[in-house]
Amino acid sequence: MAISVMLSEDDSNELRKQVYKLVTDEIERARRDTALDQQYLKRKDAIKFAGVSGSTFDHWNIPVHRIDGITLYGKKDICEFIESN
C-alpha cells in the first residue's frame, strides 16, 4: 500500500532539512557510541569493540597505557591480538 503526500516546495525543503539533520545527528551519535574516531579506549569500550565478554577480555594479554590513573587500550593492539590468535 503506497501513501502519497503532496507538499509545497518550501515544506518539501524543510522536511528534507529535518530528515538530513536527524540522520546526520544519529550517525554522529553512533560514531561516538562506537568510539570510531578514538585510537585508545577505556576497558568498557575496548570490550565492546572486541565483541567479547569482560572475563574473556581480561584473559587476553593486551598492552595497557595508564595515564593519570586511567587505563586505556589501543585499538591497534586489540586488532593485532585478535588477528594473531
PDB file of N, CA and C in Angstrom:
ATOM      1  N   MET A   1       0.837  -1.156   0.000  1.00  0.00           N
ATOM      2  CA  MET A   1       0.000   0.000   0.000  1.00  0.00           C
ATOM      3  C   MET A   1       0.897   1.239   0.000  1.00  0.00           C
ATOM      4  N   ALA A   2       0.724   2.116  -0.938  1.00  0.00           N
ATOM      5  CA  ALA A   2       1.516   3.335  -1.053  1.00  0.00           C
ATOM      6  C   ALA A   2       0.702   4.530  -0.596  1.00  0.00           C
ATOM      7  N   ILE A   3       1.382   5.417   0.086  1.00  0.00           N
ATOM      8  CA  ILE A   3       0.753   6.657   0.529  1.00  0.00           C
ATOM      9  C   ILE A   3       1.457   7.804  -0.182  1.00  0.00           C
ATOM     10  N   SER A   4       0.681   8.690  -0.719  1.00  0.00           N
ATOM     11  CA  SER A   4       1.238   9.835  -1.426  1.00  0.00           C
ATOM     12  C   SER A   4       0.895  11.105  -0.657  1.00  0.00           C
ATOM     13  N   VAL A   5       1.894  11.957  -0.457  1.00  0.00           N
ATOM     14  CA  VAL A   5       1.695  13.211   0.260  1.00  0.00           C
ATOM     15  C   VAL A   5       2.166  14.334  -0.639  1.00  0.00           C
ATOM     16  N   MET A   6       1.330  15.323  -0.783  1.00  0.00           N
ATOM     17  CA  MET A   6       1.681  16.481  -1.608  1.00  0.00           C
ATOM     18  C   MET A   6       2.158  17.602  -0.686  1.00  0.00           C
ATOM     19  N   LEU A   7       3.360  18.090  -0.913  1.00  0.00           N
ATOM     20  CA  LEU A   7       3.923  19.169  -0.118  1.00  0.00           C
ATOM     21  C   LEU A   7       4.303  20.327  -1.023  1.00  0.00           C
ATOM     22  N   SER A   8       4.235  21.496  -0.473  1.00  0.00           N
ATOM     23  CA  SER A   8       4.725  22.647  -1.232  1.00  0.00           C
ATOM     24  C   SER A   8       6.241  22.528  -1.324  1.00  0.00           C
ATOM     25  N   GLU A   9       6.833  23.268  -2.198  1.00  0.00           N
ATOM     26  CA  GLU A   9       8.291  23.210  -2.356  1.00  0.00           C
ATOM     27  C   GLU A   9       8.991  23.620  -1.055  1.00  0.00           C
ATOM     28  N   ASP A  10       8.463  24.653  -0.389  1.00  0.00           N
ATOM     29  CA  ASP A  10       9.052  25.083   0.880  1.00  0.00           C
ATOM     30  C   ASP A  10       8.931  23.998   1.946  1.00  0.00           C
ATOM     31  N   ASP A  11       7.758  23.376   2.042  1.00  0.00           N
ATOM     32  CA  ASP A  11       7.570  22.296   3.015  1.00  0.00           C
ATOM     33  C   ASP A  11       8.463  21.103   2.697  1.00  0.00           C
ATOM     34  N   SER A  12       8.576  20.803   1.422  1.00  0.00           N
ATOM     35  CA  SER A  12       9.431  19.693   0.991  1.00  0.00           C
ATOM     36  C   SER A  12      10.886  19.964   1.370  1.00  0.00           C
ATOM     37  N   ASN A  13      11.350  21.180   1.147  1.00  0.00           N
ATOM     38  CA  ASN A  13      12.733  21.536   1.503  1.00  0.00           C
ATOM     39  C   ASN A  13      12.942  21.482   3.012  1.00  0.00           C
ATOM     40  N   GLU A  14      11.966  21.961   3.767  1.00  0.00           N
ATOM     41  CA  GLU A  14      12.068  21.924   5.225  1.00  0.00           C
ATOM     42  C   GLU A  14      12.094  20.490   5.733  1.00  0.00           C
ATOM     43  N   LEU A  15      11.265  19.638   5.182  1.00  0.00           N
ATOM     44  CA  LEU A  15      11.250  18.225   5.557  1.00  0.00           C
ATOM     45  C   LEU A  15      12.591  17.581   5.230  1.00  0.00           C
ATOM     46  N   ARG A  16      13.119  17.874   4.071  1.00  0.00           N
ATOM     47  CA  ARG A  16      14.416  17.333   3.643  1.00  0.00           C
ATOM     48  C   ARG A  16      15.502  17.755   4.639  1.00  0.00           C
ATOM     49  N   LYS A  17      15.499  19.032   5.055  1.00  0.00           N
ATOM     50  CA  LYS A  17      16.486  19.526   6.019  1.00  0.00           C
ATOM     51  C   LYS A  17      16.354  18.814   7.360  1.00  0.00           C
ATOM     52  N   GLN A  18      15.120  18.617   7.809  1.00  0.00           N
ATOM     53  CA  GLN A  18      14.904  17.952   9.092  1.00  0.00           C
ATOM     54  C   GLN A  18      15.351  16.497   9.057  1.00  0.00           C
ATOM     55  N   VAL A  19      15.034  15.813   7.981  1.00  0.00           N
ATOM     56  CA  VAL A  19      15.455  14.412   7.850  1.00  0.00           C
ATOM     57  C   VAL A  19      16.981  14.334   7.788  1.00  0.00           C
ATOM     58  N   TYR A  20      17.592  15.219   7.040  1.00  0.00           N
ATOM     59  CA  TYR A  20      19.055  15.246   6.930  1.00  0.00           C
ATOM     60  C   TYR A  20      19.681  15.464   8.305  1.00  0.00           C
ATOM     61  N   LYS A  21      19.157  16.412   9.067  1.00  0.00           N
ATOM     62  CA  LYS A  21      19.692  16.688  10.397  1.00  0.00           C
ATOM     63  C   LYS A  21      19.518  15.482  11.315  1.00  0.00           C
ATOM     64  N   LEU A  22      18.357  14.854  11.282  1.00  0.00           N
ATOM     65  CA  LEU A  22      18.139  13.656  12.102  1.00  0.00           C
ATOM     66  C   LEU A  22      19.133  12.551  11.765  1.00  0.00           C
ATOM     67  N   VAL A  23      19.314  12.318  10.482  1.00  0.00           N
ATOM     68  CA  VAL A  23      20.215  11.253  10.045  1.00  0.00           C
ATOM     69  C   VAL A  23      21.662  11.570  10.422  1.00  0.00           C
ATOM     70  N   THR A  24      22.110  12.791  10.159  1.00  0.00           N
ATOM     71  CA  THR A  24      23.497  13.143  10.482  1.00  0.00           C
ATOM     72  C   THR A  24      23.732  13.134  11.990  1.00  0.00           C
ATOM     73  N   ASP A  25      22.751  13.579  12.777  1.00  0.00           N
ATOM     74  CA  ASP A  25      22.885  13.522  14.234  1.00  0.00           C
ATOM     75  C   ASP A  25      23.006  12.076  14.723  1.00  0.00           C
ATOM     76  N   GLU A  26      22.209  11.188  14.164  1.00  0.00           N
ATOM     77  CA  GLU A  26      22.263   9.777  14.567  1.00  0.00           C
ATOM     78  C   GLU A  26      23.577   9.119  14.138  1.00  0.00           C
ATOM     79  N   ILE A  27      24.071   9.468  12.981  1.00  0.00           N
ATOM     80  CA  ILE A  27      25.369   8.935  12.534  1.00  0.00           C
ATOM     81  C   ILE A  27      26.462   9.404  13.481  1.00  0.00           C
ATOM     82  N   GLU A  28      26.455  10.668  13.842  1.00  0.00           N
ATOM     83  CA  GLU A  28      27.451  11.203  14.770  1.00  0.00           C
ATOM     84  C   GLU A  28      27.345  10.526  16.130  1.00  0.00           C
ATOM     85  N   ARG A  29      26.124  10.317  16.603  1.00  0.00           N
ATOM     86  CA  ARG A  29      25.932   9.630  17.885  1.00  0.00           C
ATOM     87  C   ARG A  29      26.467   8.204  17.822  1.00  0.00           C
ATOM     88  N   ALA A  30      26.208   7.519  16.719  1.00  0.00           N
ATOM     89  CA  ALA A  30      26.702   6.152  16.548  1.00  0.00           C
ATOM     90  C   ALA A  30      28.230   6.133  16.511  1.00  0.00           C
ATOM     91  N   ARG A  31      28.824   7.103  15.857  1.00  0.00           N
ATOM     92  CA  ARG A  31      30.292   7.195  15.820  1.00  0.00           C
ATOM     93  C   ARG A  31      30.852   7.381  17.226  1.00  0.00           C
ATOM     94  N   ARG A  32      30.221   8.237  18.018  1.00  0.00           N
ATOM     95  CA  ARG A  32      30.667   8.452  19.401  1.00  0.00           C
ATOM     96  C   ARG A  32      30.471   7.187  20.226  1.00  0.00           C
ATOM     97  N   ASP A  33      29.298   6.553  20.081  1.00  0.00           N
ATOM     98  CA  ASP A  33      28.988   5.355  20.868  1.00  0.00           C
ATOM     99  C   ASP A  33      29.931   4.203  20.565  1.00  0.00           C
ATOM    100  N   THR A  34      30.389   4.116  19.339  1.00  0.00           N
ATOM    101  CA  THR A  34      31.296   3.037  18.956  1.00  0.00           C
ATOM    102  C   THR A  34      32.750   3.447  19.035  1.00  0.00           C
ATOM    103  N   ALA A  35      32.984   4.693  19.463  1.00  0.00           N
ATOM    104  CA  ALA A  35      34.341   5.225  19.600  1.00  0.00           C
ATOM    105  C   ALA A  35      35.104   5.097  18.292  1.00  0.00           C
ATOM    106  N   LEU A  36      34.414   5.286  17.199  1.00  0.00           N
ATOM    107  CA  LEU A  36      35.005   5.111  15.879  1.00  0.00           C
ATOM    108  C   LEU A  36      36.211   6.008  15.650  1.00  0.00           C
ATOM    109  N   ASP A  37      36.178   7.209  16.180  1.00  0.00           N
ATOM    110  CA  ASP A  37      37.255   8.154  15.944  1.00  0.00           C
ATOM    111  C   ASP A  37      38.369   8.072  16.982  1.00  0.00           C
ATOM    112  N   GLN A  38      38.201   7.252  17.992  1.00  0.00           N
ATOM    113  CA  GLN A  38      39.192   7.170  19.064  1.00  0.00           C
ATOM    114  C   GLN A  38      40.215   6.075  18.799  1.00  0.00           C
ATOM    115  N   GLN A  39      41.465   6.397  19.091  1.00  0.00           N
ATOM    116  CA  GLN A  39      42.546   5.430  18.923  1.00  0.00           C
ATOM    117  C   GLN A  39      42.705   4.558  20.168  1.00  0.00           C
ATOM    118  N   TYR A  40      42.391   5.124  21.327  1.00  0.00           N
ATOM    119  CA  TYR A  40      42.513   4.413  22.598  1.00  0.00           C
ATOM    120  C   TYR A  40      41.156   4.365  23.291  1.00  0.00           C
ATOM    121  N   LEU A  41      40.890   3.244  23.953  1.00  0.00           N
ATOM    122  CA  LEU A  41      39.586   3.009  24.567  1.00  0.00           C
ATOM    123  C   LEU A  41      39.718   2.645  26.028  1.00  0.00           C
ATOM    124  N   LYS A  42      38.724   3.051  26.815  1.00  0.00           N
ATOM    125  CA  LYS A  42      38.626   2.571  28.188  1.00  0.00           C
ATOM    126  C   LYS A  42      38.160   1.117  28.132  1.00  0.00           C
ATOM    127  N   ARG A  43      38.286   0.408  29.246  1.00  0.00           N
ATOM    128  CA  ARG A  43      38.008  -1.032  29.297  1.00  0.00           C
ATOM    129  C   ARG A  43      36.631  -1.383  28.734  1.00  0.00           C
ATOM    130  N   LYS A  44      35.597  -0.687  29.199  1.00  0.00           N
ATOM    131  CA  LYS A  44      34.231  -0.996  28.754  1.00  0.00           C
ATOM    132  C   LYS A  44      34.103  -0.864  27.231  1.00  0.00           C
ATOM    133  N   ASP A  45      34.669   0.198  26.686  1.00  0.00           N
ATOM    134  CA  ASP A  45      34.601   0.408  25.237  1.00  0.00           C
ATOM    135  C   ASP A  45      35.490  -0.582  24.487  1.00  0.00           C
ATOM    136  N   ALA A  46      36.620  -0.944  25.091  1.00  0.00           N
ATOM    137  CA  ALA A  46      37.515  -1.925  24.469  1.00  0.00           C
ATOM    138  C   ALA A  46      36.832  -3.295  24.376  1.00  0.00           C
ATOM    139  N   ILE A  47      36.111  -3.660  25.429  1.00  0.00           N
ATOM    140  CA  ILE A  47      35.370  -4.932  25.429  1.00  0.00           C
ATOM    141  C   ILE A  47      34.303  -4.911  24.337  1.00  0.00           C
ATOM    142  N   LYS A  48      33.587  -3.817  24.259  1.00  0.00           N
ATOM    143  CA  LYS A  48      32.549  -3.667  23.227  1.00  0.00           C
ATOM    144  C   LYS A  48      33.166  -3.729  21.827  1.00  0.00           C
ATOM    145  N   PHE A  49      34.293  -3.051  21.651  1.00  0.00           N
ATOM    146  CA  PHE A  49      34.996  -3.042  20.366  1.00  0.00           C
ATOM    147  C   PHE A  49      35.437  -4.455  19.981  1.00  0.00           C
ATOM    148  N   ALA A  50      35.969  -5.204  20.963  1.00  0.00           N
ATOM    149  CA  ALA A  50      36.448  -6.567  20.692  1.00  0.00           C
ATOM    150  C   ALA A  50      35.299  -7.551  20.501  1.00  0.00           C
ATOM    151  N   GLY A  51      34.134  -7.243  21.053  1.00  0.00           N
ATOM    152  CA  GLY A  51      32.978  -8.115  20.885  1.00  0.00           C
ATOM    153  C   GLY A  51      33.032  -9.378  21.726  1.00  0.00           C
ATOM    154  N   VAL A  52      33.655  -9.272  22.895  1.00  0.00           N
ATOM    155  CA  VAL A  52      33.760 -10.428  23.791  1.00  0.00           C
ATOM    156  C   VAL A  52      33.288 -10.023  25.179  1.00  0.00           C
ATOM    157  N   SER A  53      33.189 -11.009  26.057  1.00  0.00           N
ATOM    158  CA  SER A  53      32.801 -10.715  27.438  1.00  0.00           C
ATOM    159  C   SER A  53      33.976 -10.089  28.183  1.00  0.00           C
ATOM    160  N   GLY A  54      33.668  -9.460  29.301  1.00  0.00           N
ATOM    161  CA  GLY A  54      34.716  -8.850  30.110  1.00  0.00           C
ATOM    162  C   GLY A  54      35.715  -9.864  30.627  1.00  0.00           C
ATOM    163  N   SER A  55      35.225 -11.033  31.037  1.00  0.00           N
ATOM    164  CA  SER A  55      36.150 -12.058  31.567  1.00  0.00           C
ATOM    165  C   SER A  55      37.078 -12.581  30.471  1.00  0.00           C
ATOM    166  N   THR A  56      36.550 -12.728  29.264  1.00  0.00           N
ATOM    167  CA  THR A  56      37.407 -13.164  28.147  1.00  0.00           C
ATOM    168  C   THR A  56      38.452 -12.089  27.851  1.00  0.00           C
ATOM    169  N   PHE A  57      38.015 -10.849  27.800  1.00  0.00           N
ATOM    170  CA  PHE A  57      38.934  -9.748  27.510  1.00  0.00           C
ATOM    171  C   PHE A  57      40.043  -9.669  28.556  1.00  0.00           C
ATOM    172  N   ASP A  58      39.681  -9.889  29.820  1.00  0.00           N
ATOM    173  CA  ASP A  58      40.665  -9.826  30.900  1.00  0.00           C
ATOM    174  C   ASP A  58      41.729 -10.908  30.791  1.00  0.00           C
ATOM    175  N   HIS A  59      41.420 -12.015  30.120  1.00  0.00           N
ATOM    176  CA  HIS A  59      42.405 -13.087  29.950  1.00  0.00           C
ATOM    177  C   HIS A  59      43.353 -12.818  28.784  1.00  0.00           C
ATOM    178  N   TRP A  60      43.004 -11.895  27.941  1.00  0.00           N
ATOM    179  CA  TRP A  60      43.875 -11.551  26.820  1.00  0.00           C
ATOM    180  C   TRP A  60      45.050 -10.739  27.346  1.00  0.00           C
ATOM    181  N   ASN A  61      46.181 -10.919  26.733  1.00  0.00           N
ATOM    182  CA  ASN A  61      47.378 -10.185  27.145  1.00  0.00           C
ATOM    183  C   ASN A  61      47.566  -8.980  26.227  1.00  0.00           C
ATOM    184  N   ILE A  62      46.726  -7.979  26.422  1.00  0.00           N
ATOM    185  CA  ILE A  62      46.783  -6.784  25.584  1.00  0.00           C
ATOM    186  C   ILE A  62      47.512  -5.688  26.357  1.00  0.00           C
ATOM    187  N   PRO A  63      48.475  -5.033  25.715  1.00  0.00           N
ATOM    188  CA  PRO A  63      49.184  -3.944  26.401  1.00  0.00           C
ATOM    189  C   PRO A  63      48.218  -2.848  26.840  1.00  0.00           C
ATOM    190  N   VAL A  64      48.498  -2.262  28.007  1.00  0.00           N
ATOM    191  CA  VAL A  64      47.680  -1.168  28.502  1.00  0.00           C
ATOM    192  C   VAL A  64      48.541   0.087  28.610  1.00  0.00           C
ATOM    193  N   HIS A  65      47.869   1.202  28.559  1.00  0.00           N
ATOM    194  CA  HIS A  65      48.517   2.501  28.713  1.00  0.00           C
ATOM    195  C   HIS A  65      47.814   3.182  29.882  1.00  0.00           C
ATOM    196  N   ARG A  66      48.571   3.578  30.896  1.00  0.00           N
ATOM    197  CA  ARG A  66      47.971   4.227  32.064  1.00  0.00           C
ATOM    198  C   ARG A  66      48.395   5.697  32.099  1.00  0.00           C
ATOM    199  N   ILE A  67      47.407   6.556  32.107  1.00  0.00           N
ATOM    200  CA  ILE A  67      47.648   7.988  32.148  1.00  0.00           C
ATOM    201  C   ILE A  67      46.775   8.572  33.258  1.00  0.00           C
ATOM    202  N   ASP A  68      47.406   9.166  34.246  1.00  0.00           N
ATOM    203  CA  ASP A  68      46.680   9.781  35.366  1.00  0.00           C
ATOM    204  C   ASP A  68      45.642   8.842  35.971  1.00  0.00           C
ATOM    205  N   GLY A  69      46.011   7.586  36.129  1.00  0.00           N
ATOM    206  CA  GLY A  69      45.115   6.612  36.743  1.00  0.00           C
ATOM    207  C   GLY A  69      44.063   6.029  35.820  1.00  0.00           C
ATOM    208  N   ILE A  70      44.068   6.435  34.561  1.00  0.00           N
ATOM    209  CA  ILE A  70      43.107   5.922  33.587  1.00  0.00           C
ATOM    210  C   ILE A  70      43.798   4.863  32.738  1.00  0.00           C
ATOM    211  N   THR A  71      43.198   3.684  32.653  1.00  0.00           N
ATOM    212  CA  THR A  71      43.749   2.598  31.844  1.00  0.00           C
ATOM    213  C   THR A  71      43.116   2.624  30.466  1.00  0.00           C
ATOM    214  N   LEU A  72      43.965   2.662  29.452  1.00  0.00           N
ATOM    215  CA  LEU A  72      43.499   2.709  28.067  1.00  0.00           C
ATOM    216  C   LEU A  72      44.077   1.544  27.279  1.00  0.00           C
ATOM    217  N   TYR A  73      43.304   1.085  26.300  1.00  0.00           N
ATOM    218  CA  TYR A  73      43.705   0.001  25.409  1.00  0.00           C
ATOM    219  C   TYR A  73      43.720   0.538  23.987  1.00  0.00           C
ATOM    220  N   GLY A  74      44.772   0.239  23.252  1.00  0.00           N
ATOM    221  CA  GLY A  74      44.863   0.686  21.868  1.00  0.00           C
ATOM    222  C   GLY A  74      44.040  -0.205  20.949  1.00  0.00           C
ATOM    223  N   LYS A  75      43.273   0.403  20.068  1.00  0.00           N
ATOM    224  CA  LYS A  75      42.505  -0.383  19.096  1.00  0.00           C
ATOM    225  C   LYS A  75      43.438  -1.248  18.259  1.00  0.00           C
ATOM    226  N   LYS A  76      44.576  -0.683  17.900  1.00  0.00           N
ATOM    227  CA  LYS A  76      45.555  -1.421  17.094  1.00  0.00           C
ATOM    228  C   LYS A  76      46.012  -2.671  17.842  1.00  0.00           C
ATOM    229  N   ASP A  77      46.275  -2.535  19.151  1.00  0.00           N
ATOM    230  CA  ASP A  77      46.707  -3.677  19.959  1.00  0.00           C
ATOM    231  C   ASP A  77      45.624  -4.751  20.030  1.00  0.00           C
ATOM    232  N   ILE A  78      44.380  -4.328  20.169  1.00  0.00           N
ATOM    233  CA  ILE A  78      43.263  -5.277  20.229  1.00  0.00           C
ATOM    234  C   ILE A  78      43.153  -6.031  18.905  1.00  0.00           C
ATOM    235  N   CYS A  79      43.199  -5.292  17.806  1.00  0.00           N
ATOM    236  CA  CYS A  79      43.100  -5.930  16.482  1.00  0.00           C
ATOM    237  C   CYS A  79      44.257  -6.891  16.235  1.00  0.00           C
ATOM    238  N   GLU A  80      45.470  -6.493  16.605  1.00  0.00           N
ATOM    239  CA  GLU A  80      46.628  -7.364  16.414  1.00  0.00           C
ATOM    240  C   GLU A  80      46.494  -8.646  17.235  1.00  0.00           C
ATOM    241  N   PHE A  81      45.990  -8.526  18.469  1.00  0.00           N
ATOM    242  CA  PHE A  81      45.801  -9.706  19.295  1.00  0.00           C
ATOM    243  C   PHE A  81      44.796 -10.650  18.657  1.00  0.00           C
ATOM    244  N   ILE A  82      43.677 -10.106  18.215  1.00  0.00           N
ATOM    245  CA  ILE A  82      42.624 -10.936  17.603  1.00  0.00           C
ATOM    246  C   ILE A  82      43.149 -11.617  16.340  1.00  0.00           C
ATOM    247  N   GLU A  83      43.865 -10.883  15.504  1.00  0.00           N
ATOM    248  CA  GLU A  83      44.357 -11.441  14.240  1.00  0.00           C
ATOM    249  C   GLU A  83      45.432 -12.496  14.457  1.00  0.00           C
ATOM    250  N   SER A  84      46.178 -12.414  15.569  1.00  0.00           N
ATOM    251  CA  SER A  84      47.256 -13.375  15.792  1.00  0.00           C
ATOM    252  C   SER A  84      46.788 -14.621  16.541  1.00  0.00           C
ATOM    253  N   ASN A  85      45.535 -14.648  16.975  1.00  0.00           N
ATOM    254  CA  ASN A  85      45.040 -15.799  17.730  1.00  0.00           C
ATOM    255  C   ASN A  85      43.866 -16.463  17.035  1.00  0.00           C
TER     256      ASN A  85
END
